[in-house]
Full PDB file with SEQRES, HELIX, SHEET, SSBOND, CRYST1, ORIGX, SCALE, CONECT and MASTER records, all heavy atoms in Angstrom:
SEQRES   1 A   42  SER ALA ASP PRO SER ALA MET PRO LEU VAL SER PRO ASN          
SEQRES   2 A   42  LEU LEU LYS ALA PRO GLU ASP MET ALA GLU MET ILE ARG          
SEQRES   3 A   42  GLY GLN ARG TYR PHE LEU ARG ALA PHE ALA GLN SER PRO          
SEQRES   4 A   42  LEU ALA GLU                                                  
HELIX    1 AA1 PRO A   18  PHE A   35  1                                  18    
CRYST1    1.000    1.000    1.000  90.00  90.00  90.00 P 1           1          
ORIGX1      1.000000  0.000000  0.000000        0.00000                         
ORIGX2      0.000000  1.000000  0.000000        0.00000                         
ORIGX3      0.000000  0.000000  1.000000        0.00000                         
SCALE1      1.000000  0.000000  0.000000        0.00000                         
SCALE2      0.000000  1.000000  0.000000        0.00000                         
SCALE3      0.000000  0.000000  1.000000        0.00000                         
ATOM      1  N   SER A   1       0.807  -1.137   0.027  1.00  0.00           N  
ATOM      2  CA  SER A   1      -0.010   0.002  -0.061  1.00  0.00           C  
ATOM      3  C   SER A   1       0.906   1.196  -0.052  1.00  0.00           C  
ATOM      4  O   SER A   1       2.187   1.093   0.045  1.00  0.00           O  
ATOM      5  CB  SER A   1      -0.936   0.038   1.248  1.00  0.00           C  
ATOM      6  OG  SER A   1      -0.277   0.364   2.399  1.00  0.00           O  
ATOM      7  N   ALA A   2       0.284   2.352  -0.008  1.00  0.00           N  
ATOM      8  CA  ALA A   2       1.033   3.642   0.089  1.00  0.00           C  
ATOM      9  C   ALA A   2       1.408   3.892   1.530  1.00  0.00           C  
ATOM     10  O   ALA A   2       2.017   5.043   1.786  1.00  0.00           O  
ATOM     11  CB  ALA A   2       0.207   4.793  -0.634  1.00  0.00           C  
ATOM     12  N   ASP A   3       1.055   3.181   2.523  1.00  0.00           N  
ATOM     13  CA  ASP A   3       1.335   3.389   3.973  1.00  0.00           C  
ATOM     14  C   ASP A   3       2.758   3.054   4.159  1.00  0.00           C  
ATOM     15  O   ASP A   3       3.240   1.886   3.949  1.00  0.00           O  
ATOM     16  CB  ASP A   3       0.453   2.574   4.678  1.00  0.00           C  
ATOM     17  CG  ASP A   3       0.711   2.711   6.261  1.00  0.00           C  
ATOM     18  OD1 ASP A   3       1.603   3.518   6.589  1.00  0.00           O  
ATOM     19  OD2 ASP A   3      -0.012   1.987   7.045  1.00  0.00           O  
ATOM     20  N   PRO A   4       3.595   3.982   4.497  1.00  0.00           N  
ATOM     21  CA  PRO A   4       5.122   3.779   4.772  1.00  0.00           C  
ATOM     22  C   PRO A   4       5.369   2.615   5.812  1.00  0.00           C  
ATOM     23  O   PRO A   4       6.406   1.989   5.845  1.00  0.00           O  
ATOM     24  CB  PRO A   4       5.669   5.110   5.235  1.00  0.00           C  
ATOM     25  CG  PRO A   4       4.663   6.075   4.610  1.00  0.00           C  
ATOM     26  CD  PRO A   4       3.341   5.457   4.752  1.00  0.00           C  
ATOM     27  N   SER A   5       4.362   2.436   6.666  1.00  0.00           N  
ATOM     28  CA  SER A   5       4.591   1.421   7.768  1.00  0.00           C  
ATOM     29  C   SER A   5       4.387   0.050   7.307  1.00  0.00           C  
ATOM     30  O   SER A   5       4.556  -0.986   8.071  1.00  0.00           O  
ATOM     31  CB  SER A   5       3.691   1.767   9.064  1.00  0.00           C  
ATOM     32  OG  SER A   5       2.270   1.648   8.613  1.00  0.00           O  
ATOM     33  N   ALA A   6       3.696  -0.094   6.130  1.00  0.00           N  
ATOM     34  CA  ALA A   6       3.372  -1.392   5.615  1.00  0.00           C  
ATOM     35  C   ALA A   6       4.637  -2.200   5.042  1.00  0.00           C  
ATOM     36  O   ALA A   6       5.445  -1.564   4.322  1.00  0.00           O  
ATOM     37  CB  ALA A   6       2.264  -1.368   4.505  1.00  0.00           C  
ATOM     38  N   MET A   7       4.717  -3.349   5.444  1.00  0.00           N  
ATOM     39  CA  MET A   7       5.860  -4.272   4.853  1.00  0.00           C  
ATOM     40  C   MET A   7       5.631  -4.392   3.364  1.00  0.00           C  
ATOM     41  O   MET A   7       4.470  -4.485   2.928  1.00  0.00           O  
ATOM     42  CB  MET A   7       5.942  -5.506   5.577  1.00  0.00           C  
ATOM     43  CG  MET A   7       6.277  -5.385   7.015  1.00  0.00           C  
ATOM     44  SD  MET A   7       8.022  -5.018   7.517  1.00  0.00           S  
ATOM     45  CE  MET A   7       8.665  -6.753   7.356  1.00  0.00           C  
ATOM     46  N   PRO A   8       6.734  -4.463   2.629  1.00  0.00           N  
ATOM     47  CA  PRO A   8       6.584  -4.646   1.130  1.00  0.00           C  
ATOM     48  C   PRO A   8       6.128  -6.164   0.826  1.00  0.00           C  
ATOM     49  O   PRO A   8       6.284  -6.958   1.691  1.00  0.00           O  
ATOM     50  CB  PRO A   8       7.972  -4.368   0.527  1.00  0.00           C  
ATOM     51  CG  PRO A   8       8.878  -4.620   1.740  1.00  0.00           C  
ATOM     52  CD  PRO A   8       8.163  -4.236   2.925  1.00  0.00           C  
ATOM     53  N   LEU A   9       5.581  -6.338  -0.292  1.00  0.00           N  
ATOM     54  CA  LEU A   9       5.267  -7.709  -0.751  1.00  0.00           C  
ATOM     55  C   LEU A   9       6.379  -8.209  -1.436  1.00  0.00           C  
ATOM     56  O   LEU A   9       6.960  -7.576  -2.388  1.00  0.00           O  
ATOM     57  CB  LEU A   9       4.030  -7.604  -1.703  1.00  0.00           C  
ATOM     58  CG  LEU A   9       2.702  -7.064  -1.142  1.00  0.00           C  
ATOM     59  CD1 LEU A   9       1.646  -6.951  -2.268  1.00  0.00           C  
ATOM     60  CD2 LEU A   9       2.254  -7.752   0.053  1.00  0.00           C  
ATOM     61  N   VAL A  10       6.945  -9.427  -0.944  1.00  0.00           N  
ATOM     62  CA  VAL A  10       8.146  -9.978  -1.423  1.00  0.00           C  
ATOM     63  C   VAL A  10       7.897 -11.368  -2.055  1.00  0.00           C  
ATOM     64  O   VAL A  10       7.290 -12.220  -1.317  1.00  0.00           O  
ATOM     65  CB  VAL A  10       9.257 -10.005  -0.305  1.00  0.00           C  
ATOM     66  CG1 VAL A  10      10.537 -10.663  -0.773  1.00  0.00           C  
ATOM     67  CG2 VAL A  10       9.444  -8.756   0.302  1.00  0.00           C  
ATOM     68  N   SER A  11       8.364 -11.577  -3.235  1.00  0.00           N  
ATOM     69  CA  SER A  11       8.162 -12.854  -3.957  1.00  0.00           C  
ATOM     70  C   SER A  11       9.563 -13.221  -4.467  1.00  0.00           C  
ATOM     71  O   SER A  11       9.939 -12.862  -5.483  1.00  0.00           O  
ATOM     72  CB  SER A  11       7.150 -12.773  -5.101  1.00  0.00           C  
ATOM     73  OG  SER A  11       7.065 -14.105  -5.581  1.00  0.00           O  
ATOM     74  N   PRO A  12      10.366 -13.907  -3.679  1.00  0.00           N  
ATOM     75  CA  PRO A  12      11.722 -14.249  -4.180  1.00  0.00           C  
ATOM     76  C   PRO A  12      11.880 -15.416  -5.246  1.00  0.00           C  
ATOM     77  O   PRO A  12      12.826 -15.494  -5.872  1.00  0.00           O  
ATOM     78  CB  PRO A  12      12.489 -14.734  -2.849  1.00  0.00           C  
ATOM     79  CG  PRO A  12      11.440 -15.291  -2.028  1.00  0.00           C  
ATOM     80  CD  PRO A  12      10.148 -14.492  -2.353  1.00  0.00           C  
ATOM     81  N   ASN A  13      10.726 -16.265  -5.322  1.00  0.00           N  
ATOM     82  CA  ASN A  13      10.830 -17.308  -6.319  1.00  0.00           C  
ATOM     83  C   ASN A  13      12.023 -18.192  -6.251  1.00  0.00           C  
ATOM     84  O   ASN A  13      12.610 -18.643  -7.301  1.00  0.00           O  
ATOM     85  CB  ASN A  13      10.710 -16.626  -7.771  1.00  0.00           C  
ATOM     86  CG  ASN A  13       9.316 -16.167  -8.019  1.00  0.00           C  
ATOM     87  OD1 ASN A  13       8.262 -16.511  -7.469  1.00  0.00           O  
ATOM     88  ND2 ASN A  13       9.335 -15.085  -8.861  1.00  0.00           N  
ATOM     89  N   LEU A  14      12.453 -18.570  -5.080  1.00  0.00           N  
ATOM     90  CA  LEU A  14      13.572 -19.431  -4.857  1.00  0.00           C  
ATOM     91  C   LEU A  14      13.297 -20.776  -5.558  1.00  0.00           C  
ATOM     92  O   LEU A  14      12.248 -21.445  -5.402  1.00  0.00           O  
ATOM     93  CB  LEU A  14      13.901 -19.688  -3.413  1.00  0.00           C  
ATOM     94  CG  LEU A  14      14.181 -18.451  -2.583  1.00  0.00           C  
ATOM     95  CD1 LEU A  14      14.441 -18.877  -1.060  1.00  0.00           C  
ATOM     96  CD2 LEU A  14      15.379 -17.707  -3.093  1.00  0.00           C  
ATOM     97  N   LEU A  15      14.250 -21.170  -6.365  1.00  0.00           N  
ATOM     98  CA  LEU A  15      14.244 -22.449  -7.073  1.00  0.00           C  
ATOM     99  C   LEU A  15      13.056 -22.522  -8.101  1.00  0.00           C  
ATOM    100  O   LEU A  15      12.752 -23.668  -8.604  1.00  0.00           O  
ATOM    101  CB  LEU A  15      14.072 -23.732  -6.151  1.00  0.00           C  
ATOM    102  CG  LEU A  15      15.215 -23.982  -5.199  1.00  0.00           C  
ATOM    103  CD1 LEU A  15      15.037 -25.220  -4.329  1.00  0.00           C  
ATOM    104  CD2 LEU A  15      16.595 -24.053  -5.903  1.00  0.00           C  
ATOM    105  N   LYS A  16      12.548 -21.478  -8.481  1.00  0.00           N  
ATOM    106  CA  LYS A  16      11.503 -21.445  -9.525  1.00  0.00           C  
ATOM    107  C   LYS A  16      12.001 -21.880 -10.821  1.00  0.00           C  
ATOM    108  O   LYS A  16      11.371 -22.646 -11.634  1.00  0.00           O  
ATOM    109  CB  LYS A  16      10.758 -20.182  -9.537  1.00  0.00           C  
ATOM    110  CG  LYS A  16       9.536 -20.153 -10.580  1.00  0.00           C  
ATOM    111  CD  LYS A  16       8.802 -18.832 -10.533  1.00  0.00           C  
ATOM    112  CE  LYS A  16       7.592 -18.922 -11.429  1.00  0.00           C  
ATOM    113  NZ  LYS A  16       6.781 -17.684 -11.274  1.00  0.00           N  
ATOM    114  N   ALA A  17      13.186 -21.437 -11.255  1.00  0.00           N  
ATOM    115  CA  ALA A  17      13.821 -21.725 -12.536  1.00  0.00           C  
ATOM    116  C   ALA A  17      14.238 -23.216 -12.406  1.00  0.00           C  
ATOM    117  O   ALA A  17      14.883 -23.627 -11.615  1.00  0.00           O  
ATOM    118  CB  ALA A  17      15.075 -20.860 -12.826  1.00  0.00           C  
ATOM    119  N   PRO A  18      13.807 -23.979 -13.555  1.00  0.00           N  
ATOM    120  CA  PRO A  18      14.185 -25.411 -13.486  1.00  0.00           C  
ATOM    121  C   PRO A  18      15.690 -25.693 -13.367  1.00  0.00           C  
ATOM    122  O   PRO A  18      16.025 -26.665 -12.852  1.00  0.00           O  
ATOM    123  CB  PRO A  18      13.664 -25.886 -14.970  1.00  0.00           C  
ATOM    124  CG  PRO A  18      12.674 -24.928 -15.278  1.00  0.00           C  
ATOM    125  CD  PRO A  18      13.124 -23.677 -14.711  1.00  0.00           C  
ATOM    126  N   GLU A  19      16.514 -24.778 -13.975  1.00  0.00           N  
ATOM    127  CA  GLU A  19      17.951 -24.928 -13.880  1.00  0.00           C  
ATOM    128  C   GLU A  19      18.400 -24.912 -12.419  1.00  0.00           C  
ATOM    129  O   GLU A  19      19.327 -25.656 -11.985  1.00  0.00           O  
ATOM    130  CB  GLU A  19      18.726 -23.938 -14.681  1.00  0.00           C  
ATOM    131  CG  GLU A  19      18.224 -23.728 -16.087  1.00  0.00           C  
ATOM    132  CD  GLU A  19      17.294 -22.701 -16.414  1.00  0.00           C  
ATOM    133  OE1 GLU A  19      16.252 -22.677 -15.609  1.00  0.00           O  
ATOM    134  OE2 GLU A  19      17.451 -22.017 -17.365  1.00  0.00           O  
ATOM    135  N   ASP A  20      17.747 -23.990 -11.571  1.00  0.00           N  
ATOM    136  CA  ASP A  20      18.229 -23.980 -10.210  1.00  0.00           C  
ATOM    137  C   ASP A  20      17.784 -25.214  -9.442  1.00  0.00           C  
ATOM    138  O   ASP A  20      18.640 -25.653  -8.587  1.00  0.00           O  
ATOM    139  CB  ASP A  20      17.521 -22.729  -9.471  1.00  0.00           C  
ATOM    140  CG  ASP A  20      18.012 -21.488 -10.061  1.00  0.00           C  
ATOM    141  OD1 ASP A  20      19.006 -21.359 -10.852  1.00  0.00           O  
ATOM    142  OD2 ASP A  20      17.343 -20.415  -9.724  1.00  0.00           O  
ATOM    143  N   MET A  21      16.579 -25.741  -9.730  1.00  0.00           N  
ATOM    144  CA  MET A  21      16.216 -26.956  -9.003  1.00  0.00           C  
ATOM    145  C   MET A  21      17.164 -28.118  -9.381  1.00  0.00           C  
ATOM    146  O   MET A  21      17.489 -28.831  -8.545  1.00  0.00           O  
ATOM    147  CB  MET A  21      14.744 -27.341  -9.376  1.00  0.00           C  
ATOM    148  CG  MET A  21      14.238 -28.562  -8.753  1.00  0.00           C  
ATOM    149  SD  MET A  21      14.204 -28.485  -6.955  1.00  0.00           S  
ATOM    150  CE  MET A  21      12.593 -27.631  -6.664  1.00  0.00           C  
ATOM    151  N   ALA A  22      17.458 -28.212 -10.649  1.00  0.00           N  
ATOM    152  CA  ALA A  22      18.317 -29.221 -11.126  1.00  0.00           C  
ATOM    153  C   ALA A  22      19.663 -29.199 -10.435  1.00  0.00           C  
ATOM    154  O   ALA A  22      20.322 -30.172 -10.062  1.00  0.00           O  
ATOM    155  CB  ALA A  22      18.445 -29.297 -12.634  1.00  0.00           C  
ATOM    156  N   GLU A  23      20.128 -27.916 -10.337  1.00  0.00           N  
ATOM    157  CA  GLU A  23      21.496 -27.659  -9.730  1.00  0.00           C  
ATOM    158  C   GLU A  23      21.471 -28.089  -8.253  1.00  0.00           C  
ATOM    159  O   GLU A  23      22.449 -28.570  -7.708  1.00  0.00           O  
ATOM    160  CB  GLU A  23      21.939 -26.237  -9.861  1.00  0.00           C  
ATOM    161  CG  GLU A  23      23.389 -26.064  -9.841  1.00  0.00           C  
ATOM    162  CD  GLU A  23      24.217 -26.773 -10.944  1.00  0.00           C  
ATOM    163  OE1 GLU A  23      24.053 -26.284 -12.095  1.00  0.00           O  
ATOM    164  OE2 GLU A  23      24.888 -27.713 -10.534  1.00  0.00           O  
ATOM    165  N   MET A  24      20.403 -27.672  -7.633  1.00  0.00           N  
ATOM    166  CA  MET A  24      20.197 -27.972  -6.227  1.00  0.00           C  
ATOM    167  C   MET A  24      20.232 -29.437  -5.925  1.00  0.00           C  
ATOM    168  O   MET A  24      20.779 -29.959  -5.018  1.00  0.00           O  
ATOM    169  CB  MET A  24      19.005 -27.349  -5.568  1.00  0.00           C  
ATOM    170  CG  MET A  24      18.764 -27.539  -4.007  1.00  0.00           C  
ATOM    171  SD  MET A  24      20.068 -26.698  -3.037  1.00  0.00           S  
ATOM    172  CE  MET A  24      19.483 -25.018  -3.109  1.00  0.00           C  
ATOM    173  N   ILE A  25      19.431 -30.300  -6.741  1.00  0.00           N  
ATOM    174  CA  ILE A  25      19.377 -31.604  -6.630  1.00  0.00           C  
ATOM    175  C   ILE A  25      20.720 -32.357  -6.791  1.00  0.00           C  
ATOM    176  O   ILE A  25      21.160 -33.217  -5.952  1.00  0.00           O  
ATOM    177  CB  ILE A  25      18.357 -32.254  -7.594  1.00  0.00           C  
ATOM    178  CG1 ILE A  25      16.857 -31.907  -7.055  1.00  0.00           C  
ATOM    179  CG2 ILE A  25      18.489 -33.759  -7.643  1.00  0.00           C  
ATOM    180  CD1 ILE A  25      15.906 -32.239  -8.070  1.00  0.00           C  
ATOM    181  N   ARG A  26      21.545 -31.820  -7.789  1.00  0.00           N  
ATOM    182  CA  ARG A  26      22.885 -32.269  -7.871  1.00  0.00           C  
ATOM    183  C   ARG A  26      23.767 -32.032  -6.691  1.00  0.00           C  
ATOM    184  O   ARG A  26      24.558 -32.842  -6.258  1.00  0.00           O  
ATOM    185  CB  ARG A  26      23.562 -31.712  -9.118  1.00  0.00           C  
ATOM    186  CG  ARG A  26      23.022 -32.301 -10.445  1.00  0.00           C  
ATOM    187  CD  ARG A  26      23.763 -31.857 -11.678  1.00  0.00           C  
ATOM    188  NE  ARG A  26      23.571 -30.466 -11.990  1.00  0.00           N  
ATOM    189  CZ  ARG A  26      22.722 -30.199 -12.943  1.00  0.00           C  
ATOM    190  NH1 ARG A  26      21.912 -30.997 -13.551  1.00  0.00           N  
ATOM    191  NH2 ARG A  26      22.503 -28.819 -13.328  1.00  0.00           N  
ATOM    192  N   GLY A  27      23.565 -30.775  -6.087  1.00  0.00           N  
ATOM    193  CA  GLY A  27      24.324 -30.486  -4.893  1.00  0.00           C  
ATOM    194  C   GLY A  27      23.955 -31.278  -3.716  1.00  0.00           C  
ATOM    195  O   GLY A  27      24.797 -31.725  -2.897  1.00  0.00           O  
ATOM    196  N   GLN A  28      22.589 -31.610  -3.555  1.00  0.00           N  
ATOM    197  CA  GLN A  28      22.232 -32.522  -2.540  1.00  0.00           C  
ATOM    198  C   GLN A  28      22.826 -33.918  -2.606  1.00  0.00           C  
ATOM    199  O   GLN A  28      23.357 -34.526  -1.660  1.00  0.00           O  
ATOM    200  CB  GLN A  28      20.650 -32.626  -2.494  1.00  0.00           C  
ATOM    201  CG  GLN A  28      19.919 -31.418  -2.043  1.00  0.00           C  
ATOM    202  CD  GLN A  28      19.739 -31.277  -0.637  1.00  0.00           C  
ATOM    203  OE1 GLN A  28      19.056 -32.103   0.009  1.00  0.00           O  
ATOM    204  NE2 GLN A  28      20.338 -30.250   0.082  1.00  0.00           N  
ATOM    205  N   ARG A  29      22.775 -34.399  -3.848  1.00  0.00           N  
ATOM    206  CA  ARG A  29      23.370 -35.758  -4.097  1.00  0.00           C  
ATOM    207  C   ARG A  29      24.905 -35.845  -3.715  1.00  0.00           C  
ATOM    208  O   ARG A  29      25.349 -36.728  -3.058  1.00  0.00           O  
ATOM    209  CB  ARG A  29      23.126 -36.223  -5.555  1.00  0.00           C  
ATOM    210  CG  ARG A  29      21.766 -36.553  -5.851  1.00  0.00           C  
ATOM    211  CD  ARG A  29      21.583 -37.286  -7.171  1.00  0.00           C  
ATOM    212  NE  ARG A  29      20.281 -37.422  -7.687  1.00  0.00           N  
ATOM    213  CZ  ARG A  29      19.446 -38.334  -7.267  1.00  0.00           C  
ATOM    214  NH1 ARG A  29      19.900 -39.208  -6.270  1.00  0.00           N  
ATOM    215  NH2 ARG A  29      18.180 -38.450  -7.707  1.00  0.00           N  
ATOM    216  N   TYR A  30      25.517 -34.782  -4.124  1.00  0.00           N  
ATOM    217  CA  TYR A  30      26.922 -34.776  -3.867  1.00  0.00           C  
ATOM    218  C   TYR A  30      27.336 -34.768  -2.401  1.00  0.00           C  
ATOM    219  O   TYR A  30      28.114 -35.571  -1.868  1.00  0.00           O  
ATOM    220  CB  TYR A  30      27.542 -33.512  -4.493  1.00  0.00           C  
ATOM    221  CG  TYR A  30      28.974 -33.410  -4.411  1.00  0.00           C  
ATOM    222  CD1 TYR A  30      29.885 -33.987  -5.439  1.00  0.00           C  
ATOM    223  CD2 TYR A  30      29.777 -32.883  -3.240  1.00  0.00           C  
ATOM    224  CE1 TYR A  30      31.248 -33.971  -5.301  1.00  0.00           C  
ATOM    225  CE2 TYR A  30      31.106 -32.818  -3.174  1.00  0.00           C  
ATOM    226  CZ  TYR A  30      31.924 -33.323  -4.181  1.00  0.00           C  
ATOM    227  OH  TYR A  30      33.344 -33.322  -4.048  1.00  0.00           O  
ATOM    228  N   PHE A  31      26.602 -33.862  -1.628  1.00  0.00           N  
ATOM    229  CA  PHE A  31      27.025 -33.915  -0.147  1.00  0.00           C  
ATOM    230  C   PHE A  31      26.347 -34.880   0.683  1.00  0.00           C  
ATOM    231  O   PHE A  31      26.770 -35.253   1.732  1.00  0.00           O  
ATOM    232  CB  PHE A  31      26.730 -32.523   0.294  1.00  0.00           C  
ATOM    233  CG  PHE A  31      27.702 -31.511  -0.123  1.00  0.00           C  
ATOM    234  CD1 PHE A  31      27.475 -30.575  -1.197  1.00  0.00           C  
ATOM    235  CD2 PHE A  31      28.979 -31.472   0.489  1.00  0.00           C  
ATOM    236  CE1 PHE A  31      28.406 -29.799  -1.656  1.00  0.00           C  
ATOM    237  CE2 PHE A  31      30.016 -30.509  -0.036  1.00  0.00           C  
ATOM    238  CZ  PHE A  31      29.662 -29.778  -0.999  1.00  0.00           C  
ATOM    239  N   LEU A  32      25.292 -35.680   0.174  1.00  0.00           N  
ATOM    240  CA  LEU A  32      24.816 -36.840   0.726  1.00  0.00           C  
ATOM    241  C   LEU A  32      25.874 -37.871   0.686  1.00  0.00           C  
ATOM    242  O   LEU A  32      25.992 -38.679   1.711  1.00  0.00           O  
ATOM    243  CB  LEU A  32      23.571 -37.357   0.022  1.00  0.00           C  
ATOM    244  CG  LEU A  32      22.215 -36.685   0.527  1.00  0.00           C  
ATOM    245  CD1 LEU A  32      21.054 -37.071  -0.426  1.00  0.00           C  
ATOM    246  CD2 LEU A  32      21.887 -37.126   1.938  1.00  0.00           C  
ATOM    247  N   ARG A  33      26.664 -37.913  -0.342  1.00  0.00           N  
ATOM    248  CA  ARG A  33      27.864 -38.870  -0.325  1.00  0.00           C  
ATOM    249  C   ARG A  33      28.758 -38.596   0.725  1.00  0.00           C  
ATOM    250  O   ARG A  33      29.458 -39.562   1.245  1.00  0.00           O  
ATOM    251  CB  ARG A  33      28.480 -38.798  -1.675  1.00  0.00           C  
ATOM    252  CG  ARG A  33      27.640 -39.312  -2.855  1.00  0.00           C  
ATOM    253  CD  ARG A  33      28.312 -38.893  -4.278  1.00  0.00           C  
ATOM    254  NE  ARG A  33      29.683 -39.321  -4.299  1.00  0.00           N  
ATOM    255  CZ  ARG A  33      30.627 -38.860  -5.082  1.00  0.00           C  
ATOM    256  NH1 ARG A  33      30.280 -37.729  -5.925  1.00  0.00           N  
ATOM    257  NH2 ARG A  33      31.805 -39.294  -5.069  1.00  0.00           N  
ATOM    258  N   ALA A  34      28.986 -37.291   1.099  1.00  0.00           N  
ATOM    259  CA  ALA A  34      29.904 -37.032   2.142  1.00  0.00           C  
ATOM    260  C   ALA A  34      29.482 -37.650   3.602  1.00  0.00           C  
ATOM    261  O   ALA A  34      30.398 -38.011   4.319  1.00  0.00           O  
ATOM    262  CB  ALA A  34      30.131 -35.488   2.328  1.00  0.00           C  
ATOM    263  N   PHE A  35      28.128 -37.701   3.751  1.00  0.00           N  
ATOM    264  CA  PHE A  35      27.719 -38.338   5.079  1.00  0.00           C  
ATOM    265  C   PHE A  35      28.096 -39.821   5.103  1.00  0.00           C  
ATOM    266  O   PHE A  35      28.115 -40.285   6.158  1.00  0.00           O  
ATOM    267  CB  PHE A  35      26.213 -38.125   5.198  1.00  0.00           C  
ATOM    268  CG  PHE A  35      25.824 -36.746   5.545  1.00  0.00           C  
ATOM    269  CD1 PHE A  35      25.936 -35.623   4.757  1.00  0.00           C  
ATOM    270  CD2 PHE A  35      25.290 -36.491   6.932  1.00  0.00           C  
ATOM    271  CE1 PHE A  35      25.659 -34.403   5.180  1.00  0.00           C  
ATOM    272  CE2 PHE A  35      24.913 -35.233   7.249  1.00  0.00           C  
ATOM    273  CZ  PHE A  35      25.051 -34.119   6.458  1.00  0.00           C  
ATOM    274  N   ALA A  36      28.239 -40.391   3.988  1.00  0.00           N  
ATOM    275  CA  ALA A  36      28.604 -41.818   3.874  1.00  0.00           C  
ATOM    276  C   ALA A  36      30.053 -42.019   3.674  1.00  0.00           C  
ATOM    277  O   ALA A  36      30.532 -43.246   3.538  1.00  0.00           O  
ATOM    278  CB  ALA A  36      27.804 -42.482   2.787  1.00  0.00           C  
ATOM    279  N   GLN A  37      30.737 -41.027   3.779  1.00  0.00           N  
ATOM    280  CA  GLN A  37      32.290 -41.037   3.495  1.00  0.00           C  
ATOM    281  C   GLN A  37      33.084 -41.003   4.874  1.00  0.00           C  
ATOM    282  O   GLN A  37      32.860 -40.172   5.623  1.00  0.00           O  
ATOM    283  CB  GLN A  37      32.795 -39.983   2.632  1.00  0.00           C  
ATOM    284  CG  GLN A  37      34.159 -39.799   2.386  1.00  0.00           C  
ATOM    285  CD  GLN A  37      34.766 -40.968   1.366  1.00  0.00           C  
ATOM    286  OE1 GLN A  37      34.055 -41.397   0.482  1.00  0.00           O  
ATOM    287  NE2 GLN A  37      35.928 -41.400   1.686  1.00  0.00           N  
ATOM    288  N   SER A  38      33.962 -41.939   5.001  1.00  0.00           N  
ATOM    289  CA  SER A  38      34.875 -41.908   6.171  1.00  0.00           C  
ATOM    290  C   SER A  38      35.742 -40.687   6.063  1.00  0.00           C  
ATOM    291  O   SER A  38      36.115 -40.214   4.941  1.00  0.00           O  
ATOM    292  CB  SER A  38      35.728 -43.162   6.136  1.00  0.00           C  
ATOM    293  OG  SER A  38      36.409 -43.218   7.330  1.00  0.00           O  
ATOM    294  N   PRO A  39      36.049 -40.016   7.190  1.00  0.00           N  
ATOM    295  CA  PRO A  39      35.751 -40.425   8.502  1.00  0.00           C  
ATOM    296  C   PRO A  39      34.432 -39.904   9.160  1.00  0.00           C  
ATOM    297  O   PRO A  39      34.230 -40.187  10.404  1.00  0.00           O  
ATOM    298  CB  PRO A  39      36.862 -39.773   9.380  1.00  0.00           C  
ATOM    299  CG  PRO A  39      37.327 -38.650   8.559  1.00  0.00           C  
ATOM    300  CD  PRO A  39      36.998 -38.874   7.227  1.00  0.00           C  
ATOM    301  N   LEU A  40      33.689 -39.184   8.430  1.00  0.00           N  
ATOM    302  CA  LEU A  40      32.456 -38.675   8.866  1.00  0.00           C  
ATOM    303  C   LEU A  40      31.370 -39.784   9.179  1.00  0.00           C  
ATOM    304  O   LEU A  40      30.652 -39.696  10.024  1.00  0.00           O  
ATOM    305  CB  LEU A  40      31.907 -37.550   7.972  1.00  0.00           C  
ATOM    306  CG  LEU A  40      30.615 -36.893   8.410  1.00  0.00           C  
ATOM    307  CD1 LEU A  40      30.740 -36.113   9.725  1.00  0.00           C  
ATOM    308  CD2 LEU A  40      30.197 -35.807   7.357  1.00  0.00           C  
ATOM    309  N   ALA A  41      31.312 -40.754   8.192  1.00  0.00           N  
ATOM    310  CA  ALA A  41      30.369 -41.699   8.279  1.00  0.00           C  
ATOM    311  C   ALA A  41      30.285 -42.466   9.626  1.00  0.00           C  
ATOM    312  O   ALA A  41      29.230 -42.872  10.098  1.00  0.00           O  
ATOM    313  CB  ALA A  41      30.626 -42.790   7.230  1.00  0.00           C  
ATOM    314  N   GLU A  42      31.387 -42.580  10.361  1.00  0.00           N  
ATOM    315  CA  GLU A  42      31.459 -43.322  11.605  1.00  0.00           C  
ATOM    316  C   GLU A  42      30.745 -42.486  12.787  1.00  0.00           C  
ATOM    317  O   GLU A  42      30.407 -43.138  13.722  1.00  0.00           O  
ATOM    318  CB  GLU A  42      32.886 -43.605  11.979  1.00  0.00           C  
ATOM    319  CG  GLU A  42      33.583 -44.643  11.132  1.00  0.00           C  
ATOM    320  CD  GLU A  42      34.109 -44.170   9.858  1.00  0.00           C  
ATOM    321  OE1 GLU A  42      33.976 -42.920   9.469  1.00  0.00           O  
ATOM    322  OE2 GLU A  42      34.643 -45.009   9.067  1.00  0.00           O  
TER     323      GLU A  42                                                      
MASTER        0    0    0    1    0    0    0    6  322    1    0    4          
END                                                                             
């Protein structure tokens, strides 16, 4: 609104682009491997 005290409307669209979602899934898979890698796995 035109009221200065009103918070703005924010739409960040995180992961909306298909390329971002695909990249995030690749990143998740990579670091899931770290949890199964010694010496962290123990």
